[in-house]
Amino acid sequence: MRRTLLIGVAVLAVLAPATVAHADPTLAEIEAQLDTSNKDLEATIEAYNAINIDLAASQAKAAELANRLKPLEDGVAAANANVELIAVTAFKNSGNLRTLSVVLGAQSSGSLMDQLSTLQQISHQQQKNIQDLKTARSKFDDEKKTLDETLAAQNTQKADLENKRKKIDGDVKKLDDLKKRATNAGAKPKAVYNPGPLPTVSGKAGVAVAYAEHAAAMHYDYVYGKAGPTTFDCSGLTMAAWGAAGVKLDHNAARQWKQVTQFHDRSKLQPGDLVFYNGLGHVAIYIGADAVVHAPHPGEKVQRAAVNVDSIVGYGRVKS
């Protein structure tokens, strides 16, 4: 019996490590998880940027509608007042042609009839003005109703923004923890990418490239939702770089893709072109010599990188 117990203990001692122990992830596994997390986080950030763009546009349109409403209402009120004035004047003087003649400034009974006709025409014109204003108001109300529905839907998304922010902040912390684990596991800092001599770039593209190069030289931080002057996310950097050249781009990689002339032949790349990655979840600006400048992800600085730094969707020439 004792021998049987000893054998059982020995068997448990052999089996226990295999069933309860968990090996720490390797450096390669941590770095792979870090890469996946970065891409997922960037997709969330770009969606956050897109919602902000939509809300800003709708709020601006709502303000513009409000500005249009007051003169419309003032016009209706003024037209109604004019009609009432004409009606009161006609009523008061309808039984006394001599008084009516004075009111209308008639020089004779013949001109009085002319003035009465004019009075009727003025009344008709005022009624037409009122009808036109009412038609305009009806169109205004239809437009406002559509906008209110859009704003209601976007405000639902806006309510979700705080949750998105919390998720982003939480994900950024997780990335920081992953990086610490990677460092503890032996990860080495990435070497600064040096593409060698870069071409001279002129015109608006030159301004955009110089802006991006300055941001990289200054080691500005990646901060989601930012477009300068000293912090950027990926689409914020390309937006600010081309904004310095007087060209407006939206603060969202997928929308910038729609704003450029798209192409897929890498040999046609020119400095200032945009390079899109990861299903339009990331964007960078091409600086020549097979290199880009981009804001990679939270915890990183604006930096140079090889043009094939990630999975390329396509290229875009900014319409300047």
Protein backbone atom coordinates (compact mmCIF):
# COMPACT_ATOMS: atom_id res chain seq x y z
CA MET A 1 0.00 0.00 0.00
CA ARG A 2 2.80 2.38 0.94
CA ARG A 3 4.62 1.59 -2.29
CA THR A 4 1.42 2.31 -4.24
CA LEU A 5 1.08 5.74 -2.55
CA LEU A 6 4.70 6.64 -3.33
CA ILE A 7 4.22 5.76 -6.98
CA GLY A 8 1.07 7.90 -7.08
CA VAL A 9 2.91 10.89 -5.60
CA ALA A 10 5.71 10.47 -8.12
CA VAL A 11 3.24 10.38 -10.98
CA LEU A 12 1.53 13.56 -9.71
CA ALA A 13 4.91 15.27 -9.40
CA VAL A 14 5.62 14.54 -13.05
CA LEU A 15 2.16 15.51 -14.31
CA ALA A 16 1.62 18.66 -12.26
CA PRO A 17 4.01 20.98 -14.16
CA ALA A 18 2.51 19.95 -17.48
CA THR A 19 -1.02 20.73 -16.39
CA VAL A 20 -0.69 23.94 -14.35
CA ALA A 21 2.47 25.73 -15.42
CA HIS A 22 2.27 28.44 -18.10
CA ALA A 23 5.36 29.47 -19.98
CA ASP A 24 5.93 33.20 -20.45
CA PRO A 25 5.42 34.38 -24.05
CA THR A 26 8.57 34.64 -26.10
CA LEU A 27 9.92 37.94 -27.38
CA ALA A 28 8.65 37.07 -30.89
CA GLU A 29 5.17 36.37 -29.51
CA ILE A 30 5.11 39.66 -27.57
CA GLU A 31 6.27 41.63 -30.60
CA ALA A 32 3.64 39.94 -32.80
CA GLN A 33 0.96 40.79 -30.26
CA LEU A 34 2.27 44.34 -30.08
CA ASP A 35 2.07 44.69 -33.87
CA THR A 36 -1.51 43.37 -33.98
CA SER A 37 -2.55 45.61 -31.08
CA ASN A 38 -1.02 48.65 -32.77
CA LYS A 39 -3.00 48.02 -35.96
CA ASP A 40 -6.26 47.42 -34.10
CA LEU A 41 -5.75 50.55 -32.04
CA GLU A 42 -4.99 52.67 -35.08
CA ALA A 43 -8.21 51.49 -36.75
CA THR A 44 -10.13 52.62 -33.66
CA ILE A 45 -8.34 55.98 -33.66
CA GLU A 46 -9.10 56.61 -37.34
CA ALA A 47 -12.77 55.75 -36.76
CA TYR A 48 -12.75 58.22 -33.86
CA ASN A 49 -11.31 60.89 -36.18
CA ALA A 50 -14.00 60.20 -38.79
CA ILE A 51 -16.82 60.63 -36.25
CA ASN A 52 -15.33 63.97 -35.17
CA ILE A 53 -15.27 65.15 -38.81
CA ASP A 54 -18.93 64.19 -39.34
CA LEU A 55 -20.07 65.87 -36.14
CA ALA A 56 -18.19 69.09 -36.89
CA ALA A 57 -19.72 69.26 -40.39
CA SER A 58 -23.26 68.69 -39.13
CA GLN A 59 -22.88 71.20 -36.30
CA ALA A 60 -21.59 73.80 -38.77
CA LYS A 61 -24.58 73.14 -41.02
CA ALA A 62 -26.96 73.48 -38.06
CA ALA A 63 -25.41 76.87 -37.23
CA GLU A 64 -25.76 77.95 -40.86
CA LEU A 65 -29.43 76.92 -40.87
CA ALA A 66 -30.03 78.91 -37.70
CA ASN A 67 -28.48 81.96 -39.34
CA ARG A 68 -30.82 81.56 -42.33
CA LEU A 69 -33.93 81.22 -40.19
CA LYS A 70 -34.03 84.73 -38.65
CA PRO A 71 -34.12 86.76 -41.90
CA LEU A 72 -36.72 84.33 -43.25
CA GLU A 73 -38.97 84.88 -40.25
CA ASP A 74 -38.33 88.63 -40.35
CA GLY A 75 -39.36 88.64 -44.03
CA VAL A 76 -42.64 86.87 -43.32
CA ALA A 77 -43.40 89.29 -40.46
CA ALA A 78 -42.61 92.35 -42.60
CA ALA A 79 -44.71 91.09 -45.52
CA ASN A 80 -47.66 90.38 -43.23
CA ALA A 81 -47.35 93.86 -41.72
CA ASN A 82 -47.40 95.45 -45.18
CA VAL A 83 -50.52 93.54 -46.18
CA GLU A 84 -52.24 94.54 -42.95
CA LEU A 85 -51.30 98.20 -43.50
CA ILE A 86 -52.70 98.18 -47.05
CA ALA A 87 -55.87 96.44 -45.91
CA VAL A 88 -56.44 98.91 -43.06
CA THR A 89 -55.82 101.91 -45.32
CA ALA A 90 -58.23 100.60 -47.97
CA PHE A 91 -60.90 99.86 -45.34
CA LYS A 92 -60.66 103.25 -43.68
CA ASN A 93 -60.96 105.11 -46.96
CA SER A 94 -63.29 102.87 -48.95
CA GLY A 95 -66.32 105.03 -48.08
CA ASN A 96 -64.69 108.37 -48.82
CA LEU A 97 -63.11 108.69 -52.24
CA ARG A 98 -61.85 112.19 -51.50
CA THR A 99 -59.90 110.97 -48.41
CA LEU A 100 -58.69 107.88 -50.29
CA SER A 101 -57.51 110.16 -53.08
CA VAL A 102 -55.42 112.09 -50.61
CA VAL A 103 -54.00 108.93 -49.08
CA LEU A 104 -52.95 107.56 -52.46
CA GLY A 105 -51.66 110.89 -53.69
CA ALA A 106 -54.06 110.99 -56.64
CA GLN A 107 -54.17 114.11 -58.79
CA SER A 108 -57.62 113.41 -60.27
CA SER A 109 -60.48 110.93 -60.15
CA GLY A 110 -58.90 109.20 -63.17
CA SER A 111 -55.58 108.86 -61.44
CA LEU A 112 -57.47 107.71 -58.35
CA MET A 113 -58.74 104.65 -60.24
CA ASP A 114 -55.21 104.03 -61.42
CA GLN A 115 -54.01 104.21 -57.83
CA LEU A 116 -56.73 101.83 -56.69
CA SER A 117 -55.55 99.36 -59.32
CA THR A 118 -52.00 99.89 -58.09
CA LEU A 119 -53.17 99.27 -54.54
CA GLN A 120 -54.70 95.97 -55.61
CA GLN A 121 -51.49 94.99 -57.43
CA ILE A 122 -49.42 95.83 -54.37
CA SER A 123 -51.70 93.65 -52.25
CA HIS A 124 -51.35 90.78 -54.71
CA GLN A 125 -47.58 91.22 -54.76
CA GLN A 126 -47.43 91.18 -50.99
CA GLN A 127 -49.49 87.99 -50.94
CA LYS A 128 -47.11 86.45 -53.47
CA ASN A 129 -44.14 87.52 -51.36
CA ILE A 130 -45.69 85.86 -48.35
CA GLN A 131 -46.38 82.67 -50.30
CA ASP A 132 -42.77 82.62 -51.59
CA LEU A 133 -41.50 83.09 -48.05
CA LYS A 134 -43.76 80.31 -46.79
CA THR A 135 -42.50 78.00 -49.54
CA ALA A 136 -38.91 78.87 -48.58
CA ARG A 137 -39.76 78.20 -44.93
CA SER A 138 -41.28 74.83 -45.83
CA LYS A 139 -38.08 73.84 -47.67
CA PHE A 140 -36.10 75.10 -44.70
CA ASP A 141 -38.16 72.94 -42.32
CA ASP A 142 -37.63 69.86 -44.51
CA GLU A 143 -33.90 70.51 -44.60
CA LYS A 144 -33.81 71.06 -40.84
CA LYS A 145 -35.77 67.86 -40.21
CA THR A 146 -33.25 65.84 -42.24
CA LEU A 147 -30.37 67.53 -40.44
CA ASP A 148 -31.98 66.90 -37.04
CA GLU A 149 -32.24 63.20 -37.89
CA THR A 150 -28.59 63.15 -38.94
CA LEU A 151 -27.54 64.96 -35.77
CA ALA A 152 -29.57 62.56 -33.63
CA ALA A 153 -27.75 59.60 -35.17
CA GLN A 154 -24.39 61.33 -34.82
CA ASN A 155 -25.11 62.32 -31.23
CA THR A 156 -25.65 58.64 -30.53
CA GLN A 157 -22.16 58.11 -31.93
CA LYS A 158 -20.97 61.09 -29.90
CA ALA A 159 -22.21 59.41 -26.74
CA ASP A 160 -20.10 56.46 -27.77
CA LEU A 161 -17.03 58.68 -28.17
CA GLU A 162 -16.32 58.73 -24.46
CA ASN A 163 -16.36 54.94 -24.44
CA LYS A 164 -14.04 54.98 -27.45
CA ARG A 165 -11.72 57.38 -25.65
CA LYS A 166 -11.66 55.15 -22.61
CA LYS A 167 -10.97 52.14 -24.82
CA ILE A 168 -8.18 53.99 -26.62
CA ASP A 169 -6.65 55.11 -23.33
CA GLY A 170 -6.91 51.59 -21.98
CA ASP A 171 -5.38 50.13 -25.14
CA VAL A 172 -2.52 52.65 -25.01
CA LYS A 173 -1.75 51.48 -21.47
CA LYS A 174 -1.82 47.86 -22.62
CA LEU A 175 0.61 48.73 -25.39
CA ASP A 176 2.92 50.38 -22.88
CA ASP A 177 2.79 47.26 -20.73
CA LEU A 178 3.51 45.08 -23.77
CA LYS A 179 6.50 47.24 -24.67
CA LYS A 180 7.86 46.91 -21.16
CA ARG A 181 7.48 43.14 -21.38
CA ALA A 182 9.20 43.15 -24.75
CA THR A 183 12.06 45.20 -23.35
CA ASN A 184 12.36 42.87 -20.36
CA ALA A 185 12.38 39.93 -22.76
CA GLY A 186 15.38 41.40 -24.56
CA ALA A 187 13.91 43.62 -27.28
CA LYS A 188 16.32 46.23 -28.58
CA PRO A 189 15.35 49.81 -29.53
CA LYS A 190 14.74 50.25 -33.24
CA ALA A 191 17.59 51.84 -35.12
CA VAL A 192 16.90 55.25 -36.66
CA TYR A 193 16.07 54.70 -40.33
CA ASN A 194 18.47 56.45 -42.66
CA PRO A 195 17.44 56.38 -46.35
CA GLY A 196 20.53 58.27 -47.47
CA PRO A 197 20.48 61.42 -49.64
CA LEU A 198 17.01 62.73 -50.36
CA PRO A 199 15.92 64.59 -53.49
CA THR A 200 15.29 68.33 -53.50
CA VAL A 201 11.55 68.96 -53.68
CA SER A 202 9.97 72.22 -54.82
CA GLY A 203 6.47 73.67 -54.87
CA LYS A 204 3.68 72.67 -52.53
CA ALA A 205 4.97 69.11 -52.29
CA GLY A 206 8.27 70.55 -51.08
CA VAL A 207 6.48 72.48 -48.33
CA ALA A 208 4.60 69.35 -47.22
CA VAL A 209 7.73 67.20 -47.20
CA ALA A 210 9.72 69.84 -45.30
CA TYR A 211 6.98 70.04 -42.68
CA ALA A 212 6.98 66.26 -42.17
CA GLU A 213 10.77 66.12 -42.10
CA HIS A 214 10.84 68.83 -39.43
CA ALA A 215 8.32 66.87 -37.32
CA ALA A 216 10.56 63.79 -37.59
CA ALA A 217 13.72 65.77 -36.80
CA MET A 218 12.04 67.20 -33.70
CA HIS A 219 10.91 63.71 -32.59
CA TYR A 220 7.36 64.91 -32.02
CA ASP A 221 5.12 62.45 -30.17
CA TYR A 222 2.27 60.39 -31.54
CA VAL A 223 -0.95 61.47 -29.80
CA TYR A 224 -4.29 60.25 -31.16
CA GLY A 225 -6.66 62.88 -32.49
CA LYS A 226 -3.89 65.47 -32.88
CA ALA A 227 -2.74 67.30 -36.01
CA GLY A 228 0.10 69.44 -34.69
CA PRO A 229 1.83 71.59 -34.07
CA THR A 230 3.93 69.30 -31.83
CA THR A 231 1.84 66.12 -31.54
CA PHE A 232 0.26 64.05 -34.30
CA ASP A 233 -1.49 60.86 -35.22
CA CYS A 234 -0.90 59.39 -38.69
CA SER A 235 -3.59 61.24 -40.65
CA GLY A 236 -3.06 64.32 -38.49
CA LEU A 237 0.55 64.48 -39.69
CA THR A 238 -0.28 64.22 -43.41
CA MET A 239 -3.16 66.66 -42.93
CA ALA A 240 -0.89 69.20 -41.21
CA ALA A 241 1.97 68.72 -43.69
CA TRP A 242 -0.22 69.43 -46.70
CA GLY A 243 -2.13 72.07 -44.75
CA ALA A 244 1.17 73.97 -44.44
CA ALA A 245 1.19 74.01 -48.25
CA GLY A 246 -2.35 75.41 -48.37
CA VAL A 247 -4.11 72.14 -49.25
CA LYS A 248 -6.98 70.87 -47.10
CA LEU A 249 -7.18 67.19 -46.23
CA ASP A 250 -9.55 65.49 -43.80
CA HIS A 251 -8.24 64.15 -40.51
CA ASN A 252 -8.82 60.52 -41.47
CA ALA A 253 -6.74 58.15 -43.59
CA ALA A 254 -9.68 56.56 -45.45
CA ARG A 255 -11.08 59.98 -46.37
CA GLN A 256 -7.69 61.22 -47.51
CA TRP A 257 -7.61 58.22 -49.84
CA LYS A 258 -10.79 59.57 -51.47
CA GLN A 259 -9.30 63.06 -51.74
CA VAL A 260 -6.20 62.08 -53.71
CA THR A 261 -5.52 60.76 -57.19
CA GLN A 262 -5.07 57.07 -56.46
CA PHE A 263 -2.50 54.81 -58.11
CA HIS A 264 -0.80 51.49 -57.42
CA ASP A 265 2.44 51.66 -59.43
CA ARG A 266 5.21 52.22 -56.89
CA SER A 267 7.61 53.39 -59.58
CA LYS A 268 5.44 56.51 -60.01
CA LEU A 269 5.88 57.66 -56.41
CA GLN A 270 6.99 61.26 -56.03
CA PRO A 271 7.92 63.17 -52.86
CA GLY A 272 4.77 64.55 -51.26
CA ASP A 273 2.62 61.58 -52.34
CA LEU A 274 0.73 59.75 -49.61
CA VAL A 275 1.21 56.06 -48.92
CA PHE A 276 -1.76 54.14 -47.45
CA TYR A 277 -1.45 51.01 -45.33
CA ASN A 278 -3.43 48.40 -43.40
CA GLY A 279 -6.79 48.61 -45.14
CA LEU A 280 -6.65 52.43 -45.09
CA GLY A 281 -6.01 52.41 -41.35
CA HIS A 282 -2.66 54.17 -41.65
CA VAL A 283 -1.10 56.83 -43.90
CA ALA A 284 2.38 58.30 -44.39
CA ILE A 285 4.01 60.91 -46.63
CA TYR A 286 6.64 59.88 -49.17
CA ILE A 287 9.90 61.86 -49.00
CA GLY A 288 11.89 60.11 -51.74
CA ALA A 289 14.64 57.47 -51.69
CA ASP A 290 12.08 54.74 -50.89
CA ALA A 291 11.33 56.40 -47.55
CA VAL A 292 8.33 57.91 -45.80
CA VAL A 293 7.73 60.02 -42.72
CA HIS A 294 4.89 58.86 -40.51
CA ALA A 295 3.45 58.93 -37.01
CA PRO A 296 3.40 55.17 -36.28
CA HIS A 297 1.32 54.61 -33.13
CA PRO A 298 1.03 55.58 -29.44
CA GLY A 299 4.33 55.55 -27.61
CA GLU A 300 6.29 56.32 -30.78
CA LYS A 301 7.71 59.49 -32.30
CA VAL A 302 7.17 60.92 -35.78
CA GLN A 303 9.92 59.24 -37.78
CA ARG A 304 11.33 58.15 -41.10
CA ALA A 305 10.72 54.60 -42.26
CA ALA A 306 11.06 52.43 -45.36
CA VAL A 307 8.16 52.85 -47.75
CA ASN A 308 7.23 49.19 -47.23
CA VAL A 309 7.08 49.63 -43.46
CA ASP A 310 3.69 47.92 -43.50
CA SER A 311 1.10 46.33 -45.80
CA ILE A 312 0.51 48.85 -48.61
CA VAL A 313 -2.98 49.51 -49.98
CA GLY A 314 -1.94 52.08 -52.58
CA TYR A 315 -0.56 55.53 -53.21
CA GLY A 316 -2.14 58.93 -53.62
CA ARG A 317 -1.10 62.16 -55.33
CA VAL A 318 -2.52 65.17 -53.52
CA LYS A 319 -4.56 67.45 -55.76
CA SER A 320 -2.69 70.72 -55.26
